[in-house]
N, C-alpha and C. Protein backbone atom coordinates (compact mmCIF):
# COMPACT_ATOMS: atom_id res chain seq x y z
N MET A 1 -18.04 -29.23 1.00
CA MET A 1 -16.87 -30.00 1.36
C MET A 1 -15.80 -29.06 1.89
N THR A 2 -15.13 -29.48 2.94
CA THR A 2 -14.03 -28.68 3.47
C THR A 2 -12.72 -29.18 2.89
N HIS A 3 -11.74 -28.32 2.92
CA HIS A 3 -10.41 -28.66 2.43
C HIS A 3 -9.40 -28.31 3.51
N PRO A 4 -8.34 -29.11 3.65
CA PRO A 4 -7.30 -28.78 4.63
C PRO A 4 -6.68 -27.41 4.33
N ASP A 5 -6.26 -26.74 5.39
CA ASP A 5 -5.66 -25.41 5.23
C ASP A 5 -4.48 -25.42 4.27
N ASP A 6 -3.66 -26.48 4.32
CA ASP A 6 -2.47 -26.50 3.45
C ASP A 6 -2.86 -26.61 1.98
N VAL A 7 -3.97 -27.26 1.69
CA VAL A 7 -4.45 -27.35 0.30
C VAL A 7 -4.92 -25.98 -0.17
N ILE A 8 -5.66 -25.29 0.67
CA ILE A 8 -6.13 -23.95 0.32
C ILE A 8 -4.94 -23.01 0.15
N ALA A 9 -4.01 -23.04 1.09
CA ALA A 9 -2.83 -22.17 1.01
C ALA A 9 -2.03 -22.44 -0.26
N SER A 10 -1.84 -23.70 -0.57
CA SER A 10 -1.10 -24.07 -1.78
C SER A 10 -1.80 -23.55 -3.03
N ARG A 11 -3.12 -23.61 -3.04
CA ARG A 11 -3.87 -23.12 -4.21
C ARG A 11 -3.75 -21.60 -4.33
N VAL A 12 -3.80 -20.89 -3.20
CA VAL A 12 -3.60 -19.43 -3.23
C VAL A 12 -2.25 -19.11 -3.86
N LEU A 13 -1.21 -19.77 -3.38
CA LEU A 13 0.15 -19.50 -3.88
C LEU A 13 0.29 -19.87 -5.34
N HIS A 14 -0.30 -20.99 -5.72
CA HIS A 14 -0.24 -21.43 -7.12
C HIS A 14 -0.91 -20.41 -8.04
N LEU A 15 -2.09 -19.96 -7.67
CA LEU A 15 -2.80 -19.00 -8.51
C LEU A 15 -2.05 -17.67 -8.60
N LEU A 16 -1.46 -17.23 -7.49
CA LEU A 16 -0.68 -15.99 -7.54
C LEU A 16 0.57 -16.16 -8.38
N GLU A 17 1.17 -17.33 -8.31
CA GLU A 17 2.36 -17.60 -9.11
C GLU A 17 2.06 -17.52 -10.60
N GLN A 18 0.84 -17.84 -10.99
CA GLN A 18 0.44 -17.82 -12.39
C GLN A 18 0.20 -16.40 -12.91
N ARG A 19 0.12 -15.45 -12.02
CA ARG A 19 -0.17 -14.06 -12.38
C ARG A 19 1.11 -13.24 -12.38
N ALA A 20 1.08 -12.14 -13.09
CA ALA A 20 2.22 -11.22 -13.12
C ALA A 20 2.42 -10.62 -11.73
N VAL A 21 3.66 -10.33 -11.40
CA VAL A 21 3.98 -9.68 -10.13
C VAL A 21 3.21 -8.37 -10.06
N GLY A 22 2.63 -8.09 -8.90
CA GLY A 22 1.88 -6.86 -8.71
C GLY A 22 0.40 -6.99 -8.99
N THR A 23 -0.01 -8.10 -9.60
CA THR A 23 -1.44 -8.32 -9.84
C THR A 23 -2.03 -9.11 -8.69
N SER A 24 -3.34 -9.19 -8.64
CA SER A 24 -4.00 -9.85 -7.51
C SER A 24 -5.04 -10.84 -8.00
N ILE A 25 -5.52 -11.62 -7.06
CA ILE A 25 -6.61 -12.56 -7.32
C ILE A 25 -7.72 -12.32 -6.31
N CYS A 26 -8.89 -12.76 -6.66
CA CYS A 26 -10.03 -12.71 -5.75
C CYS A 26 -10.08 -14.03 -4.98
N PRO A 27 -10.39 -14.00 -3.69
CA PRO A 27 -10.52 -15.26 -2.95
C PRO A 27 -11.51 -16.24 -3.59
N SER A 28 -12.50 -15.72 -4.30
CA SER A 28 -13.46 -16.62 -4.94
C SER A 28 -12.81 -17.45 -6.04
N GLU A 29 -11.73 -16.94 -6.65
CA GLU A 29 -11.00 -17.73 -7.65
C GLU A 29 -10.40 -18.98 -7.01
N VAL A 30 -9.92 -18.82 -5.79
CA VAL A 30 -9.36 -19.96 -5.05
C VAL A 30 -10.47 -20.96 -4.76
N ALA A 31 -11.57 -20.48 -4.22
CA ALA A 31 -12.70 -21.36 -3.89
C ALA A 31 -13.22 -22.08 -5.13
N ARG A 32 -13.36 -21.35 -6.23
CA ARG A 32 -13.88 -21.96 -7.47
C ARG A 32 -12.92 -22.99 -8.05
N SER A 33 -11.63 -22.81 -7.81
CA SER A 33 -10.67 -23.78 -8.32
C SER A 33 -10.69 -25.08 -7.52
N LEU A 34 -11.26 -25.02 -6.32
CA LEU A 34 -11.35 -26.20 -5.46
C LEU A 34 -12.72 -26.87 -5.53
N GLU A 35 -13.75 -26.10 -5.81
CA GLU A 35 -15.12 -26.61 -5.87
C GLU A 35 -15.82 -26.00 -7.08
N GLN A 36 -16.39 -26.82 -7.93
CA GLN A 36 -17.03 -26.34 -9.15
C GLN A 36 -18.47 -25.89 -8.92
N ASP A 37 -19.16 -26.54 -8.02
CA ASP A 37 -20.56 -26.26 -7.75
C ASP A 37 -20.69 -24.94 -6.97
N GLU A 38 -21.54 -24.03 -7.44
CA GLU A 38 -21.62 -22.71 -6.81
C GLU A 38 -21.91 -22.75 -5.31
N PRO A 39 -22.89 -23.51 -4.85
CA PRO A 39 -23.10 -23.54 -3.40
C PRO A 39 -21.87 -24.05 -2.64
N ALA A 40 -21.16 -24.99 -3.23
CA ALA A 40 -19.98 -25.55 -2.56
C ALA A 40 -18.84 -24.53 -2.49
N TRP A 41 -18.56 -23.82 -3.59
CA TRP A 41 -17.45 -22.86 -3.51
C TRP A 41 -17.82 -21.67 -2.64
N ARG A 42 -19.09 -21.29 -2.66
CA ARG A 42 -19.50 -20.19 -1.77
C ARG A 42 -19.36 -20.59 -0.30
N ALA A 43 -19.68 -21.83 0.01
CA ALA A 43 -19.54 -22.32 1.39
C ALA A 43 -18.07 -22.38 1.82
N LEU A 44 -17.17 -22.50 0.87
CA LEU A 44 -15.74 -22.57 1.15
C LEU A 44 -15.11 -21.19 1.39
N MET A 45 -15.80 -20.13 1.01
CA MET A 45 -15.23 -18.78 1.10
C MET A 45 -14.74 -18.39 2.50
N PRO A 46 -15.45 -18.67 3.59
CA PRO A 46 -14.91 -18.29 4.90
C PRO A 46 -13.57 -18.97 5.19
N GLU A 47 -13.42 -20.23 4.78
CA GLU A 47 -12.15 -20.93 4.97
C GLU A 47 -11.05 -20.28 4.16
N VAL A 48 -11.34 -19.94 2.91
CA VAL A 48 -10.34 -19.31 2.04
C VAL A 48 -9.91 -17.99 2.65
N ARG A 49 -10.84 -17.20 3.12
CA ARG A 49 -10.50 -15.90 3.72
C ARG A 49 -9.69 -16.09 5.00
N ARG A 50 -10.02 -17.10 5.80
CA ARG A 50 -9.27 -17.36 7.04
C ARG A 50 -7.84 -17.76 6.72
N VAL A 51 -7.65 -18.66 5.76
CA VAL A 51 -6.31 -19.09 5.36
C VAL A 51 -5.54 -17.91 4.76
N ALA A 52 -6.22 -17.09 3.98
CA ALA A 52 -5.56 -15.91 3.40
C ALA A 52 -5.08 -14.97 4.49
N ARG A 53 -5.86 -14.80 5.54
CA ARG A 53 -5.43 -13.95 6.66
C ARG A 53 -4.19 -14.52 7.33
N ALA A 54 -4.12 -15.83 7.47
CA ALA A 54 -2.93 -16.46 8.07
C ALA A 54 -1.71 -16.25 7.18
N LEU A 55 -1.88 -16.40 5.87
CA LEU A 55 -0.77 -16.15 4.94
C LEU A 55 -0.35 -14.69 4.98
N ALA A 56 -1.30 -13.80 5.13
CA ALA A 56 -0.98 -12.37 5.21
C ALA A 56 -0.27 -12.04 6.51
N ALA A 57 -0.64 -12.70 7.60
CA ALA A 57 0.03 -12.46 8.88
C ALA A 57 1.51 -12.85 8.80
N ALA A 58 1.82 -13.84 7.96
CA ALA A 58 3.21 -14.27 7.75
C ALA A 58 3.89 -13.47 6.63
N GLU A 59 3.18 -12.48 6.09
CA GLU A 59 3.66 -11.62 5.01
C GLU A 59 3.97 -12.38 3.72
N ILE A 60 3.34 -13.54 3.57
CA ILE A 60 3.50 -14.32 2.34
C ILE A 60 2.62 -13.70 1.25
N ILE A 61 1.45 -13.24 1.65
CA ILE A 61 0.58 -12.51 0.73
C ILE A 61 0.14 -11.22 1.42
N ASP A 62 -0.45 -10.33 0.65
CA ASP A 62 -1.09 -9.13 1.18
C ASP A 62 -2.58 -9.22 0.90
N LEU A 63 -3.38 -8.76 1.85
CA LEU A 63 -4.81 -8.59 1.65
C LEU A 63 -5.03 -7.14 1.29
N THR A 64 -5.80 -6.89 0.25
CA THR A 64 -6.02 -5.51 -0.17
C THR A 64 -7.49 -5.22 -0.43
N GLN A 65 -7.83 -3.96 -0.29
CA GLN A 65 -9.11 -3.40 -0.74
C GLN A 65 -8.74 -2.13 -1.47
N GLY A 66 -8.95 -2.13 -2.76
CA GLY A 66 -8.49 -1.00 -3.56
C GLY A 66 -6.97 -0.92 -3.46
N ASP A 67 -6.46 0.25 -3.14
CA ASP A 67 -5.02 0.43 -2.98
C ASP A 67 -4.56 0.22 -1.55
N ASP A 68 -5.48 -0.08 -0.64
CA ASP A 68 -5.16 -0.21 0.77
C ASP A 68 -4.75 -1.63 1.13
N ARG A 69 -3.64 -1.75 1.84
CA ARG A 69 -3.21 -3.03 2.39
C ARG A 69 -3.90 -3.19 3.74
N LEU A 70 -4.54 -4.33 3.95
CA LEU A 70 -5.33 -4.56 5.15
C LEU A 70 -4.53 -5.25 6.25
N ASN A 71 -4.94 -5.01 7.48
CA ASN A 71 -4.36 -5.66 8.65
C ASN A 71 -4.92 -7.08 8.73
N PRO A 72 -4.06 -8.11 8.66
CA PRO A 72 -4.58 -9.48 8.69
C PRO A 72 -5.12 -9.91 10.05
N ASP A 73 -4.85 -9.11 11.09
CA ASP A 73 -5.35 -9.45 12.42
C ASP A 73 -6.82 -9.10 12.60
N LYS A 74 -7.37 -8.35 11.65
CA LYS A 74 -8.78 -7.96 11.72
C LYS A 74 -9.53 -8.61 10.57
N GLU A 75 -10.73 -9.07 10.86
CA GLU A 75 -11.58 -9.65 9.81
C GLU A 75 -11.98 -8.54 8.85
N PRO A 76 -11.58 -8.65 7.59
CA PRO A 76 -11.94 -7.58 6.65
C PRO A 76 -13.43 -7.62 6.31
N GLU A 77 -13.98 -6.44 6.13
CA GLU A 77 -15.38 -6.32 5.71
C GLU A 77 -15.40 -6.03 4.23
N GLY A 78 -16.28 -6.69 3.53
CA GLY A 78 -16.42 -6.44 2.10
C GLY A 78 -15.42 -7.22 1.26
N PRO A 79 -15.42 -6.94 -0.03
CA PRO A 79 -14.55 -7.66 -0.96
C PRO A 79 -13.08 -7.36 -0.70
N ILE A 80 -12.26 -8.40 -0.84
CA ILE A 80 -10.81 -8.24 -0.71
C ILE A 80 -10.14 -8.88 -1.91
N ARG A 81 -8.88 -8.56 -2.08
CA ARG A 81 -8.04 -9.16 -3.12
C ARG A 81 -6.80 -9.69 -2.43
N LEU A 82 -6.15 -10.65 -3.08
CA LEU A 82 -4.92 -11.26 -2.57
C LEU A 82 -3.80 -11.00 -3.56
N ARG A 83 -2.64 -10.58 -3.07
CA ARG A 83 -1.48 -10.40 -3.94
C ARG A 83 -0.23 -10.87 -3.22
N ARG A 84 0.85 -11.02 -3.96
CA ARG A 84 2.10 -11.49 -3.38
C ARG A 84 2.57 -10.53 -2.29
N GLY A 85 3.05 -11.12 -1.20
CA GLY A 85 3.58 -10.33 -0.10
C GLY A 85 5.10 -10.32 -0.12
N ALA A 86 5.68 -9.69 0.87
CA ALA A 86 7.13 -9.53 0.96
C ALA A 86 7.87 -10.86 1.03
N HIS A 87 7.25 -11.88 1.60
CA HIS A 87 7.89 -13.18 1.79
C HIS A 87 7.32 -14.25 0.86
N PHE A 88 6.74 -13.82 -0.25
CA PHE A 88 6.13 -14.77 -1.19
C PHE A 88 7.21 -15.64 -1.82
N LYS A 89 7.04 -16.94 -1.66
CA LYS A 89 7.89 -17.93 -2.32
C LYS A 89 7.01 -19.14 -2.57
N HIS A 90 7.13 -19.69 -3.72
CA HIS A 90 6.36 -20.90 -4.02
C HIS A 90 7.19 -21.73 -4.98
N PRO A 91 7.36 -23.02 -4.66
CA PRO A 91 8.21 -23.85 -5.53
C PRO A 91 7.67 -24.00 -6.94
C-alpha cells in the first residue's frame, strides 16, 4: 500500500519529535509505523527515503551515515538515519 507524501512526512516528524534532540531514527521505523506486515513496510521504504530526501533538502531533517551529513540531492547508498535539521518544527 502506498501512502501520501504528507502522511509519510508527518510520521517522520512525529517520530523525531518523540526522541531526544540529537538522536536519530531509521527510515524503517517510519515504514513499520505505517505498515505492520513485513513485505508491506519493506515495499514502502523507497517512498520513505524519497520523502526524507525532500525534507532534508528543506533542512527540516538531516540524512546521516555515521557522523556524516549526506547531500539530499544524491540518492544515498546503504543505511541512513534521520535526525532533526536546522528548520525542524512540528506542532
